[in-house]
Amino acid sequence: MERDDVIEYSLYNHHNEEEGKKIRKNIYLVTIILSVVTIVEVLMGVLLPKAALGMNSTAWEMVKLGYVILTLLKAGYIVVIFMHLGDERKSLKWAILAPYALFILYLLYILLVEASA
């Protein structure tokens, strides 16, 4: 039995080829940005192991901090793009992101101050 109340959205796209190219360009840009950040993260993990470099603790802490920063930037970019938060008003962005930012800072504080070597 076929439903007659379901709208087939693919039949109601009212954009021209130029708008379609713009949408595809945006998709490719997002894919490239996320891929580059992921590749940098993986290369950091493969090329900068602690034992192979013989790093002191300060240099190793900087590598770990860089990895955390890249991961948080990638997560923020995913939220802005895929959850469409970038299109919202500034006050709503802050209302959604501020509690998460504070929680992440708290977790980093616990990680850096309370952790034992």
N, C-alpha and C. Protein backbone atom coordinates (compact mmCIF):
# COMPACT_ATOMS: atom_id res chain seq x y z
N MET A 1 0.84 -1.17 0.00
CA MET A 1 0.00 0.00 0.00
C MET A 1 0.89 1.24 0.00
N GLU A 2 0.65 2.10 -0.93
CA GLU A 2 1.46 3.30 -1.08
C GLU A 2 0.79 4.48 -0.39
N ARG A 3 1.61 5.21 0.37
CA ARG A 3 1.08 6.35 1.11
C ARG A 3 1.03 7.58 0.20
N ASP A 4 -0.05 8.33 0.31
CA ASP A 4 -0.17 9.54 -0.50
C ASP A 4 0.15 10.81 0.28
N ASP A 5 0.47 10.68 1.59
CA ASP A 5 0.78 11.86 2.39
C ASP A 5 2.28 12.11 2.53
N VAL A 6 3.10 11.25 1.96
CA VAL A 6 4.54 11.41 2.04
C VAL A 6 5.01 12.24 0.85
N ILE A 7 5.74 13.30 1.16
CA ILE A 7 6.24 14.19 0.11
C ILE A 7 7.58 13.65 -0.37
N GLU A 8 7.73 13.51 -1.64
CA GLU A 8 9.01 13.09 -2.22
C GLU A 8 9.84 14.36 -2.44
N TYR A 9 10.75 14.63 -1.49
CA TYR A 9 11.50 15.87 -1.54
C TYR A 9 12.44 15.96 -2.73
N SER A 10 12.89 14.86 -3.23
CA SER A 10 13.81 14.92 -4.37
C SER A 10 13.11 15.46 -5.63
N LEU A 11 11.81 15.39 -5.67
CA LEU A 11 11.08 15.90 -6.82
C LEU A 11 10.84 17.41 -6.72
N TYR A 12 11.05 17.97 -5.53
CA TYR A 12 10.73 19.38 -5.31
C TYR A 12 11.97 20.24 -5.12
N ASN A 13 13.08 19.85 -5.67
CA ASN A 13 14.27 20.70 -5.57
C ASN A 13 14.19 21.78 -6.63
N HIS A 14 14.20 23.01 -6.16
CA HIS A 14 14.03 24.15 -7.05
C HIS A 14 15.31 24.96 -7.14
N HIS A 15 16.39 24.31 -7.46
CA HIS A 15 17.63 25.06 -7.65
C HIS A 15 18.20 24.74 -9.03
N ASN A 16 18.95 25.69 -9.52
CA ASN A 16 19.53 25.51 -10.85
C ASN A 16 20.90 24.87 -10.74
N GLU A 17 21.55 24.69 -11.87
CA GLU A 17 22.85 24.01 -11.91
C GLU A 17 23.93 24.81 -11.19
N GLU A 18 23.82 26.14 -11.24
CA GLU A 18 24.83 26.98 -10.58
C GLU A 18 24.78 26.79 -9.06
N GLU A 19 23.56 26.73 -8.50
CA GLU A 19 23.44 26.48 -7.07
C GLU A 19 23.90 25.07 -6.72
N GLY A 20 23.66 24.13 -7.60
CA GLY A 20 24.13 22.76 -7.39
C GLY A 20 25.64 22.69 -7.36
N LYS A 21 26.31 23.44 -8.25
CA LYS A 21 27.77 23.48 -8.25
C LYS A 21 28.29 24.08 -6.95
N LYS A 22 27.61 25.11 -6.46
CA LYS A 22 28.02 25.75 -5.20
C LYS A 22 27.90 24.76 -4.03
N ILE A 23 26.82 24.00 -4.01
CA ILE A 23 26.61 23.01 -2.95
C ILE A 23 27.69 21.93 -3.02
N ARG A 24 27.97 21.43 -4.24
CA ARG A 24 29.01 20.40 -4.39
C ARG A 24 30.38 20.94 -4.01
N LYS A 25 30.67 22.19 -4.35
CA LYS A 25 31.95 22.79 -3.99
C LYS A 25 32.09 22.85 -2.46
N ASN A 26 31.02 23.20 -1.77
CA ASN A 26 31.03 23.25 -0.32
C ASN A 26 31.26 21.86 0.28
N ILE A 27 30.64 20.85 -0.29
CA ILE A 27 30.83 19.48 0.18
C ILE A 27 32.28 19.06 0.00
N TYR A 28 32.86 19.35 -1.15
CA TYR A 28 34.26 19.00 -1.39
C TYR A 28 35.19 19.74 -0.43
N LEU A 29 34.90 21.00 -0.15
CA LEU A 29 35.72 21.79 0.77
C LEU A 29 35.69 21.20 2.17
N VAL A 30 34.51 20.84 2.65
CA VAL A 30 34.37 20.24 3.97
C VAL A 30 35.13 18.91 4.03
N THR A 31 35.00 18.11 2.98
CA THR A 31 35.69 16.82 2.93
C THR A 31 37.20 17.02 2.95
N ILE A 32 37.71 17.96 2.22
CA ILE A 32 39.15 18.21 2.17
C ILE A 32 39.66 18.70 3.52
N ILE A 33 38.95 19.63 4.14
CA ILE A 33 39.39 20.16 5.43
C ILE A 33 39.43 19.05 6.48
N LEU A 34 38.37 18.27 6.58
CA LEU A 34 38.35 17.20 7.57
C LEU A 34 39.39 16.13 7.27
N SER A 35 39.62 15.84 6.00
CA SER A 35 40.64 14.85 5.64
C SER A 35 42.04 15.33 5.99
N VAL A 36 42.33 16.60 5.73
CA VAL A 36 43.66 17.12 6.03
C VAL A 36 43.92 17.09 7.54
N VAL A 37 42.95 17.51 8.33
CA VAL A 37 43.14 17.48 9.79
C VAL A 37 43.32 16.05 10.28
N THR A 38 42.55 15.12 9.75
CA THR A 38 42.68 13.72 10.15
C THR A 38 44.04 13.16 9.75
N ILE A 39 44.51 13.49 8.56
CA ILE A 39 45.82 13.00 8.11
C ILE A 39 46.92 13.57 9.00
N VAL A 40 46.83 14.84 9.37
CA VAL A 40 47.83 15.43 10.26
C VAL A 40 47.81 14.73 11.61
N GLU A 41 46.62 14.44 12.13
CA GLU A 41 46.52 13.72 13.41
C GLU A 41 47.16 12.34 13.33
N VAL A 42 46.87 11.62 12.27
CA VAL A 42 47.43 10.27 12.11
C VAL A 42 48.94 10.34 11.94
N LEU A 43 49.43 11.29 11.15
CA LEU A 43 50.88 11.42 10.97
C LEU A 43 51.56 11.79 12.28
N MET A 44 50.92 12.62 13.09
CA MET A 44 51.49 12.93 14.40
C MET A 44 51.61 11.67 15.25
N GLY A 45 50.61 10.83 15.20
CA GLY A 45 50.64 9.59 15.97
C GLY A 45 51.67 8.60 15.47
N VAL A 46 51.89 8.58 14.16
CA VAL A 46 52.82 7.62 13.58
C VAL A 46 54.26 8.12 13.64
N LEU A 47 54.47 9.39 13.32
CA LEU A 47 55.83 9.91 13.19
C LEU A 47 56.41 10.47 14.48
N LEU A 48 55.59 10.72 15.47
CA LEU A 48 56.09 11.32 16.69
C LEU A 48 55.88 10.44 17.93
N PRO A 49 56.25 9.17 17.87
CA PRO A 49 56.11 8.36 19.09
C PRO A 49 57.15 8.79 20.11
N LYS A 50 56.78 8.71 21.37
CA LYS A 50 57.63 9.20 22.45
C LYS A 50 58.94 8.43 22.51
N ALA A 51 58.89 7.13 22.40
CA ALA A 51 60.10 6.31 22.55
C ALA A 51 61.08 6.52 21.40
N ALA A 52 60.57 6.70 20.18
CA ALA A 52 61.46 6.82 19.02
C ALA A 52 62.18 8.15 18.99
N LEU A 53 61.56 9.19 19.49
CA LEU A 53 62.17 10.51 19.43
C LEU A 53 63.06 10.81 20.63
N GLY A 54 62.89 10.07 21.70
CA GLY A 54 63.67 10.34 22.89
C GLY A 54 63.41 11.74 23.42
N MET A 55 62.17 12.18 23.36
CA MET A 55 61.82 13.54 23.75
C MET A 55 61.84 13.68 25.26
N ASN A 56 62.08 14.91 25.67
CA ASN A 56 61.88 15.20 27.09
C ASN A 56 60.39 15.37 27.33
N SER A 57 60.00 15.49 28.59
CA SER A 57 58.58 15.50 28.91
C SER A 57 57.88 16.76 28.38
N THR A 58 58.58 17.88 28.31
CA THR A 58 57.95 19.11 27.82
C THR A 58 57.60 19.00 26.34
N ALA A 59 58.50 18.46 25.54
CA ALA A 59 58.22 18.30 24.11
C ALA A 59 57.08 17.31 23.89
N TRP A 60 57.06 16.24 24.66
CA TRP A 60 55.99 15.25 24.52
C TRP A 60 54.64 15.85 24.93
N GLU A 61 54.63 16.69 25.97
CA GLU A 61 53.40 17.36 26.38
C GLU A 61 52.89 18.28 25.27
N MET A 62 53.79 18.93 24.57
CA MET A 62 53.38 19.81 23.46
C MET A 62 52.78 18.99 22.32
N VAL A 63 53.33 17.81 22.04
CA VAL A 63 52.77 16.95 21.00
C VAL A 63 51.36 16.53 21.40
N LYS A 64 51.17 16.13 22.63
CA LYS A 64 49.85 15.72 23.10
C LYS A 64 48.87 16.89 23.07
N LEU A 65 49.33 18.05 23.49
CA LEU A 65 48.46 19.23 23.47
C LEU A 65 48.06 19.59 22.03
N GLY A 66 49.00 19.49 21.10
CA GLY A 66 48.69 19.74 19.69
C GLY A 66 47.65 18.77 19.16
N TYR A 67 47.77 17.51 19.56
CA TYR A 67 46.80 16.51 19.12
C TYR A 67 45.42 16.82 19.68
N VAL A 68 45.35 17.22 20.95
CA VAL A 68 44.06 17.56 21.56
C VAL A 68 43.45 18.77 20.86
N ILE A 69 44.26 19.77 20.57
CA ILE A 69 43.77 20.98 19.90
C ILE A 69 43.23 20.65 18.51
N LEU A 70 43.96 19.84 17.75
CA LEU A 70 43.48 19.45 16.42
C LEU A 70 42.16 18.68 16.51
N THR A 71 42.05 17.80 17.48
CA THR A 71 40.83 17.02 17.64
C THR A 71 39.66 17.92 18.01
N LEU A 72 39.89 18.88 18.89
CA LEU A 72 38.81 19.79 19.28
C LEU A 72 38.40 20.70 18.12
N LEU A 73 39.37 21.15 17.34
CA LEU A 73 39.04 21.97 16.17
C LEU A 73 38.20 21.18 15.16
N LYS A 74 38.57 19.94 14.96
CA LYS A 74 37.82 19.10 14.03
C LYS A 74 36.40 18.85 14.55
N ALA A 75 36.28 18.60 15.84
CA ALA A 75 34.95 18.39 16.43
C ALA A 75 34.10 19.65 16.31
N GLY A 76 34.69 20.81 16.56
CA GLY A 76 33.96 22.07 16.43
C GLY A 76 33.52 22.33 15.01
N TYR A 77 34.39 22.03 14.06
CA TYR A 77 34.05 22.23 12.64
C TYR A 77 32.90 21.30 12.24
N ILE A 78 32.92 20.08 12.74
CA ILE A 78 31.85 19.13 12.44
C ILE A 78 30.53 19.64 13.00
N VAL A 79 30.55 20.18 14.22
CA VAL A 79 29.33 20.72 14.82
C VAL A 79 28.81 21.90 14.00
N VAL A 80 29.70 22.79 13.59
CA VAL A 80 29.28 23.97 12.84
C VAL A 80 28.69 23.59 11.49
N ILE A 81 29.32 22.66 10.80
CA ILE A 81 28.88 22.31 9.44
C ILE A 81 27.70 21.34 9.46
N PHE A 82 27.87 20.18 10.10
CA PHE A 82 26.86 19.13 9.97
C PHE A 82 25.65 19.34 10.86
N MET A 83 25.81 20.08 11.94
CA MET A 83 24.66 20.36 12.80
C MET A 83 24.10 21.76 12.51
N HIS A 84 24.62 22.41 11.48
CA HIS A 84 24.14 23.71 10.99
C HIS A 84 24.17 24.79 12.07
N LEU A 85 25.10 24.68 12.99
CA LEU A 85 25.21 25.69 14.04
C LEU A 85 25.82 26.99 13.49
N GLY A 86 26.55 26.89 12.41
CA GLY A 86 27.14 28.08 11.81
C GLY A 86 26.11 29.06 11.26
N ASP A 87 24.90 28.58 11.01
CA ASP A 87 23.85 29.43 10.46
C ASP A 87 23.00 30.10 11.53
N GLU A 88 23.26 29.80 12.79
CA GLU A 88 22.44 30.32 13.87
C GLU A 88 22.96 31.66 14.39
N ARG A 89 22.18 32.29 15.23
CA ARG A 89 22.59 33.55 15.85
C ARG A 89 23.71 33.32 16.84
N LYS A 90 24.47 34.38 17.09
CA LYS A 90 25.63 34.28 17.96
C LYS A 90 25.24 33.86 19.38
N SER A 91 24.14 34.38 19.88
CA SER A 91 23.73 34.04 21.24
C SER A 91 23.39 32.55 21.37
N LEU A 92 22.75 31.97 20.37
CA LEU A 92 22.43 30.55 20.42
C LEU A 92 23.70 29.71 20.32
N LYS A 93 24.65 30.14 19.48
CA LYS A 93 25.93 29.42 19.39
C LYS A 93 26.60 29.36 20.75
N TRP A 94 26.67 30.52 21.43
CA TRP A 94 27.33 30.55 22.74
C TRP A 94 26.55 29.75 23.77
N ALA A 95 25.25 29.77 23.71
CA ALA A 95 24.44 29.01 24.67
C ALA A 95 24.66 27.52 24.52
N ILE A 96 24.92 27.08 23.30
CA ILE A 96 25.15 25.66 23.06
C ILE A 96 26.61 25.28 23.31
N LEU A 97 27.55 26.10 22.84
CA LEU A 97 28.96 25.72 22.90
C LEU A 97 29.66 26.05 24.21
N ALA A 98 29.22 27.07 24.94
CA ALA A 98 29.91 27.47 26.17
C ALA A 98 29.94 26.37 27.24
N PRO A 99 28.84 25.67 27.51
CA PRO A 99 28.93 24.60 28.51
C PRO A 99 29.90 23.49 28.10
N TYR A 100 29.92 23.15 26.82
CA TYR A 100 30.85 22.13 26.36
C TYR A 100 32.29 22.61 26.47
N ALA A 101 32.53 23.87 26.14
CA ALA A 101 33.88 24.41 26.23
C ALA A 101 34.35 24.41 27.68
N LEU A 102 33.50 24.81 28.60
CA LEU A 102 33.87 24.78 30.01
C LEU A 102 34.13 23.36 30.50
N PHE A 103 33.31 22.42 30.07
CA PHE A 103 33.50 21.03 30.46
C PHE A 103 34.82 20.48 29.91
N ILE A 104 35.15 20.82 28.68
CA ILE A 104 36.41 20.36 28.09
C ILE A 104 37.59 20.98 28.82
N LEU A 105 37.50 22.26 29.16
CA LEU A 105 38.57 22.90 29.92
C LEU A 105 38.73 22.25 31.30
N TYR A 106 37.63 21.90 31.92
CA TYR A 106 37.67 21.22 33.21
C TYR A 106 38.35 19.86 33.09
N LEU A 107 37.99 19.12 32.06
CA LEU A 107 38.62 17.81 31.85
C LEU A 107 40.11 17.95 31.58
N LEU A 108 40.50 18.97 30.80
CA LEU A 108 41.92 19.20 30.57
C LEU A 108 42.64 19.58 31.85
N TYR A 109 41.99 20.36 32.69
CA TYR A 109 42.58 20.71 33.99
C TYR A 109 42.82 19.45 34.83
N ILE A 110 41.82 18.59 34.89
CA ILE A 110 41.99 17.35 35.64
C ILE A 110 43.10 16.51 35.03
N LEU A 111 43.15 16.44 33.73
CA LEU A 111 44.16 15.65 33.05
C LEU A 111 45.57 16.17 33.33
N LEU A 112 45.75 17.47 33.28
CA LEU A 112 47.08 18.04 33.41
C LEU A 112 47.52 18.20 34.87
N VAL A 113 46.61 18.48 35.77
CA VAL A 113 46.98 18.77 37.15
C VAL A 113 46.90 17.53 38.03
N GLU A 114 45.86 16.76 37.89
CA GLU A 114 45.64 15.65 38.80
C GLU A 114 46.24 14.33 38.34
N ALA A 115 46.66 14.24 37.10
CA ALA A 115 47.18 12.97 36.60
C ALA A 115 48.55 12.70 37.19
N SER A 116 48.81 11.45 37.42
CA SER A 116 50.13 11.08 37.92
C SER A 116 50.92 10.46 36.78
N ALA A 117 52.19 10.70 36.78
CA ALA A 117 53.06 10.23 35.71
C ALA A 117 53.12 8.74 35.76
